[in-house]
Each structure stands twice: as structure tokens, then as C-alpha cells.
N, C-alpha and C. Protein backbone atom coordinates (compact mmCIF):
# COMPACT_ATOMS: atom_id res chain seq x y z
N UNK A 1 -4.87 -5.11 -11.64
CA UNK A 1 -3.71 -5.21 -11.03
C UNK A 1 -2.49 -5.35 -12.23
N UNK A 2 -1.63 -4.47 -12.00
CA UNK A 2 -0.50 -4.53 -12.90
C UNK A 2 0.72 -5.18 -12.46
N UNK A 3 1.71 -4.45 -12.33
CA UNK A 3 3.15 -4.99 -11.74
C UNK A 3 3.21 -4.54 -10.36
N UNK A 4 2.00 -4.50 -9.67
CA UNK A 4 2.17 -4.31 -8.14
C UNK A 4 2.75 -5.38 -7.44
N UNK A 5 3.54 -5.15 -6.25
CA UNK A 5 4.17 -6.41 -5.54
C UNK A 5 3.40 -6.27 -4.28
N UNK A 6 3.01 -7.41 -3.59
CA UNK A 6 2.37 -7.52 -2.49
C UNK A 6 3.14 -8.62 -1.50
N UNK A 7 2.94 -8.49 -0.24
CA UNK A 7 3.36 -9.51 0.68
C UNK A 7 2.25 -9.94 1.53
N UNK A 8 2.40 -11.57 1.55
CA UNK A 8 1.19 -12.15 2.38
C UNK A 8 1.74 -12.75 3.51
N UNK A 9 1.27 -12.29 4.75
CA UNK A 9 1.64 -12.90 6.15
C UNK A 9 0.53 -13.88 6.48
N UNK A 10 0.97 -15.14 6.97
CA UNK A 10 0.07 -16.19 7.37
C UNK A 10 0.36 -16.43 8.76
N UNK A 11 -0.60 -16.33 9.65
CA UNK A 11 -0.57 -16.76 11.11
C UNK A 11 -1.35 -17.97 11.31
N UNK A 12 -0.80 -19.00 11.58
CA UNK A 12 -1.59 -20.37 11.88
C UNK A 12 -1.56 -20.59 13.57
N UNK A 13 -2.54 -20.41 14.08
CA UNK A 13 -2.66 -20.62 15.55
C UNK A 13 -3.44 -21.94 15.94
N UNK A 14 -3.85 -22.09 17.14
CA UNK A 14 -4.43 -23.29 17.68
C UNK A 14 -6.02 -23.31 17.24
N UNK A 15 -6.49 -22.11 17.32
CA UNK A 15 -7.93 -22.00 16.86
C UNK A 15 -8.32 -21.41 15.64
N UNK A 16 -7.32 -21.03 14.82
CA UNK A 16 -7.70 -20.42 13.54
C UNK A 16 -6.38 -20.03 12.90
N UNK A 17 -6.63 -19.58 11.52
CA UNK A 17 -5.68 -19.17 10.66
C UNK A 17 -5.96 -17.97 9.96
N UNK A 18 -4.95 -17.06 9.88
CA UNK A 18 -5.25 -15.56 9.55
C UNK A 18 -4.22 -15.48 8.39
N UNK A 19 -4.71 -14.76 7.31
CA UNK A 19 -3.89 -14.34 6.22
C UNK A 19 -4.03 -12.90 6.02
N UNK A 20 -2.89 -12.07 5.74
CA UNK A 20 -3.03 -10.57 5.67
C UNK A 20 -2.24 -10.32 4.34
N UNK A 21 -2.72 -9.45 3.44
CA UNK A 21 -1.84 -9.01 2.26
C UNK A 21 -1.51 -7.49 2.47
N UNK A 22 -0.32 -7.12 2.26
CA UNK A 22 0.18 -5.73 2.42
C UNK A 22 0.64 -5.49 1.13
N UNK A 23 0.47 -4.10 0.82
CA UNK A 23 1.09 -3.37 -0.30
C UNK A 23 2.56 -2.91 -0.10
N UNK A 24 3.12 -2.33 -0.99
CA UNK A 24 4.62 -1.82 -0.76
C UNK A 24 4.73 -0.69 0.36
N UNK A 25 3.64 -0.08 0.71
CA UNK A 25 3.66 0.97 1.72
C UNK A 25 3.28 0.39 3.06
N UNK A 26 3.10 -1.00 3.16
CA UNK A 26 2.74 -1.44 4.35
C UNK A 26 1.23 -1.23 4.80
N UNK A 27 0.45 -0.97 3.78
CA UNK A 27 -0.89 -0.77 4.03
C UNK A 27 -1.80 -2.14 3.84
N UNK A 28 -2.64 -2.56 4.65
CA UNK A 28 -3.37 -3.77 4.55
C UNK A 28 -4.33 -3.76 3.27
N UNK A 29 -4.04 -4.63 2.32
CA UNK A 29 -4.89 -4.61 1.17
C UNK A 29 -6.18 -5.56 1.23
N UNK A 30 -5.88 -6.60 1.90
CA UNK A 30 -7.00 -7.70 2.27
C UNK A 30 -6.59 -8.49 3.31
N UNK A 31 -7.57 -8.96 4.09
CA UNK A 31 -7.29 -10.05 5.21
C UNK A 31 -8.52 -11.15 5.33
N UNK A 32 -8.12 -12.11 5.92
CA UNK A 32 -9.12 -13.23 6.06
C UNK A 32 -8.63 -13.91 7.42
N UNK A 33 -9.67 -14.57 8.00
CA UNK A 33 -9.66 -15.49 9.11
C UNK A 33 -10.51 -16.50 9.01
N UNK A 34 -10.07 -17.64 9.35
CA UNK A 34 -10.81 -18.96 9.34
C UNK A 34 -10.43 -19.63 10.53
N UNK A 35 -11.71 -20.06 11.11
CA UNK A 35 -11.54 -20.66 12.60
C UNK A 35 -11.31 -22.27 12.17
N UNK A 36 -10.47 -22.91 13.01
CA UNK A 36 -10.14 -24.20 12.74
C UNK A 36 -10.91 -25.16 13.69
N UNK A 37 -11.68 -26.17 13.13
CA UNK A 37 -12.41 -27.18 13.83
C UNK A 37 -11.51 -27.87 14.92
N UNK A 38 -11.98 -27.76 16.20
CA UNK A 38 -11.21 -28.54 17.31
C UNK A 38 -11.87 -30.04 17.42
N UNK A 39 -11.08 -30.97 17.23
CA UNK A 39 -11.52 -32.26 17.41
C UNK A 39 -11.05 -32.82 18.77
N UNK A 40 -12.07 -33.49 19.55
CA UNK A 40 -11.69 -34.07 20.77
C UNK A 40 -11.06 -35.41 20.69
N UNK A 41 -10.16 -35.64 21.36
CA UNK A 41 -9.43 -37.15 21.26
C UNK A 41 -9.70 -37.98 22.29
């Protein structure tokens, strides 16, 4: 990786969190999803 610029979008929902990294041309470079553990109260 040199001087490339990226944008990361983060979406936090009630059941999980997602992160997506885009390059300058709006192509998805990487993405990840992690489920959030739900605790009963």
C-alpha cells in the first residue's frame, strides 16, 4: 500500500456491526461482519 486513499463505512445495528472499506472508485476492498451477543435483562 502506497498513498492510496480509502473510506470505511461502519453500520452498527441491534444484532451486529459491519465495516466496509471502499477505494477511490467506490469498489469494495474489504468487509467484515461481527454478530453482537444479545443479553436478556
